[in-house]
Protein backbone atom coordinates (compact mmCIF):
# COMPACT_ATOMS: atom_id res chain seq x y z
CA MET A 1 88.39 -186.10 -213.57
CA SER A 2 90.49 -188.85 -215.13
CA ARG A 3 91.36 -191.49 -212.56
CA SER A 4 92.67 -194.99 -212.28
CA PRO A 5 90.09 -197.66 -211.37
CA LEU A 6 88.21 -197.24 -208.13
CA VAL A 7 89.17 -199.72 -205.43
CA ILE A 8 86.86 -200.40 -202.50
CA ARG A 9 88.72 -201.94 -199.58
CA GLU A 10 88.73 -202.30 -195.82
CA VAL A 11 90.63 -199.67 -193.89
CA THR A 12 94.05 -200.46 -192.47
CA GLU A 13 95.80 -198.83 -189.54
CA HIS A 14 97.87 -196.82 -192.05
CA ASP A 15 94.75 -195.11 -193.44
CA PHE A 16 93.97 -192.98 -190.39
CA LEU A 17 95.53 -189.72 -191.66
CA ALA A 18 93.70 -190.00 -195.01
CA TRP A 19 90.44 -191.29 -193.44
CA LYS A 20 90.21 -188.53 -190.81
CA PRO A 21 89.56 -185.62 -193.24
CA LEU A 22 86.76 -187.68 -194.85
CA TRP A 23 85.30 -188.40 -191.42
CA ASP A 24 85.57 -184.71 -190.51
CA GLY A 25 83.78 -183.80 -193.77
CA TYR A 26 80.99 -186.26 -193.06
CA ASN A 27 80.54 -184.90 -189.54
CA ALA A 28 80.61 -181.29 -190.73
CA PHE A 29 77.83 -182.12 -193.21
CA TYR A 30 75.67 -183.17 -190.24
CA GLY A 31 76.61 -180.15 -188.12
CA ARG A 32 79.29 -181.79 -185.99
CA SER A 33 82.24 -179.42 -186.37
CA GLY A 34 83.91 -176.68 -184.36
CA ALA A 35 82.26 -176.45 -180.95
CA THR A 36 79.98 -179.41 -181.76
CA ALA A 37 82.73 -181.68 -183.17
CA LEU A 38 83.04 -185.20 -181.86
CA PRO A 39 85.58 -185.53 -179.05
CA ASP A 40 88.88 -187.15 -180.03
CA GLU A 41 88.20 -190.10 -177.71
CA VAL A 42 85.02 -190.91 -179.65
CA ILE A 43 86.83 -190.74 -182.99
CA LEU A 44 89.73 -192.88 -181.76
CA SER A 45 87.33 -195.39 -180.21
CA ALA A 46 85.46 -195.81 -183.51
CA TRP A 47 88.76 -196.12 -185.39
CA SER A 48 90.03 -198.84 -183.04
CA ARG A 49 86.75 -200.73 -183.41
CA PHE A 50 87.13 -200.76 -187.21
CA LEU A 51 90.51 -202.45 -186.82
CA ASP A 52 89.41 -205.01 -184.20
CA PRO A 53 88.28 -208.28 -185.85
CA ALA A 54 86.14 -209.08 -182.77
CA GLU A 55 84.03 -205.96 -183.27
CA PRO A 56 80.82 -205.91 -185.39
CA MET A 57 81.78 -202.44 -186.73
CA HIS A 58 83.54 -202.16 -190.09
CA ALA A 59 84.93 -199.45 -192.37
CA LEU A 60 85.48 -199.44 -196.11
CA VAL A 61 87.16 -196.75 -198.19
CA ALA A 62 87.08 -195.91 -201.88
CA GLU A 63 90.54 -195.28 -203.30
CA SER A 64 91.80 -194.09 -206.68
CA ASP A 65 95.27 -192.91 -207.64
CA GLY A 66 96.39 -193.45 -204.04
CA GLN A 67 93.77 -190.99 -202.74
CA LEU A 68 90.80 -191.82 -200.54
CA LEU A 69 87.62 -190.51 -202.16
CA GLY A 70 84.99 -191.89 -199.82
CA LEU A 71 84.17 -193.94 -196.79
CA THR A 72 81.42 -196.07 -195.37
CA HIS A 73 80.98 -197.52 -191.91
CA TYR A 74 78.62 -200.38 -191.22
CA LEU A 75 77.80 -202.77 -188.42
CA PHE A 76 76.01 -206.05 -187.91
CA HIS A 77 73.41 -206.58 -185.19
CA ARG A 78 70.70 -208.98 -184.13
CA SER A 79 67.05 -208.34 -184.83
CA THR A 80 63.76 -209.46 -183.34
CA ILE A 81 62.26 -209.98 -186.82
CA SER A 82 64.93 -212.20 -188.34
CA ILE A 83 67.21 -215.04 -187.31
CA ALA A 84 69.99 -213.59 -189.46
CA ASN A 85 71.75 -210.40 -188.44
CA SER A 86 70.89 -207.06 -190.01
CA CYS A 87 73.50 -204.73 -191.46
CA TYR A 88 73.23 -201.05 -190.62
CA LEU A 89 75.07 -198.77 -193.02
CA GLN A 90 75.78 -196.00 -190.53
CA ASP A 91 77.93 -193.53 -192.43
CA LEU A 92 78.58 -192.78 -196.11
CA PHE A 93 80.65 -189.89 -197.47
CA THR A 94 82.46 -188.96 -200.67
CA VAL A 95 84.68 -185.97 -201.28
CA ALA A 96 83.01 -183.19 -203.27
CA GLN A 97 85.14 -183.66 -206.41
CA ALA A 98 84.17 -187.36 -206.60
CA ARG A 99 80.40 -186.92 -206.27
CA GLY A 100 78.42 -188.12 -209.25
CA LEU A 101 81.22 -190.48 -210.33
CA GLY A 102 79.83 -193.66 -208.79
CA VAL A 103 81.83 -193.66 -205.56
CA GLY A 104 78.78 -193.68 -203.28
CA ARG A 105 77.12 -196.41 -205.34
CA ALA A 106 80.30 -198.53 -205.24
CA LEU A 107 80.56 -198.15 -201.46
CA ILE A 108 76.91 -199.11 -200.91
CA GLU A 109 77.22 -202.11 -203.22
CA ALA A 110 80.38 -203.18 -201.36
CA VAL A 111 78.41 -203.10 -198.10
CA TYR A 112 75.72 -205.22 -199.78
CA ALA A 113 78.40 -207.75 -200.74
CA LYS A 114 79.87 -207.81 -197.21
CA ALA A 115 76.39 -208.25 -195.74
CA ARG A 116 75.61 -211.15 -198.11
CA GLN A 117 78.94 -212.75 -197.26
CA ALA A 118 78.13 -212.44 -193.54
CA GLY A 119 74.67 -213.97 -194.05
CA ALA A 120 72.79 -210.80 -193.09
CA SER A 121 69.11 -210.60 -194.00
CA ARG A 122 69.10 -206.92 -194.98
CA VAL A 123 71.06 -203.69 -195.24
CA TYR A 124 69.41 -200.49 -194.14
CA TRP A 125 70.36 -196.89 -193.44
CA GLN A 126 68.91 -193.48 -192.76
CA THR A 127 69.68 -190.02 -194.06
CA HIS A 128 68.54 -186.54 -193.22
CA GLU A 129 65.38 -185.42 -195.01
CA THR A 130 67.30 -182.50 -196.55
CA ASN A 131 69.91 -184.77 -198.18
CA THR A 132 68.03 -184.77 -201.47
CA THR A 133 71.09 -185.27 -203.69
CA ALA A 134 72.03 -188.51 -201.92
CA MET A 135 68.40 -189.65 -201.90
CA LYS A 136 68.38 -189.63 -205.70
CA LEU A 137 71.03 -192.37 -205.56
CA TYR A 138 69.42 -194.19 -202.64
CA ASP A 139 66.09 -194.36 -204.47
CA HIS A 140 67.83 -196.46 -207.15
CA LEU A 141 69.60 -198.78 -204.72
CA ALA A 142 67.00 -199.48 -202.03
CA GLU A 143 63.43 -198.84 -201.02
CA LYS A 144 62.23 -196.30 -198.47
CA SER A 145 60.99 -198.03 -195.35
CA GLY A 146 58.42 -195.40 -194.45
CA PHE A 147 59.64 -195.31 -190.86
CA ILE A 148 60.43 -192.09 -189.00
CA VAL A 149 63.34 -192.11 -186.56
CA TYR A 150 62.83 -190.91 -182.96
CA ARG A 151 65.72 -190.50 -180.57
CA LYS A 152 66.44 -189.26 -177.07
CA PRO A 153 69.99 -188.33 -176.06
CA LEU A 154 70.89 -189.75 -172.66
């Protein structure tokens, strides 16, 4: 796969039509497709938050040859264990043909840079225990916290 250099950049309003298939792919990976797909109002709400400078939610994309190859969404929030904000890397996805080419690594490192620039004290994320391919990368870029996530839909 010969490509021009990878560019990691913030999304713009013009990226929606190229971003949406990536977002759909990410959600399908986690079982949110068809009857369980996110409602359009949720998708459009997230998209508008990414474009609003007053929001703590952000979106980056990886682009090469005019094509989006990956995305990441992250947000800043307060913490009880630090004066500085924390950065939660909420979503990370690369298209199948770009996996293993450094796109995921570049997106994570771009979030690290944004978090440093914002004065955050840490970046953290979670993944499903079956996502072993991604965990091979994550094991090189961060340390496992040892925490187990509990949740209750309301």
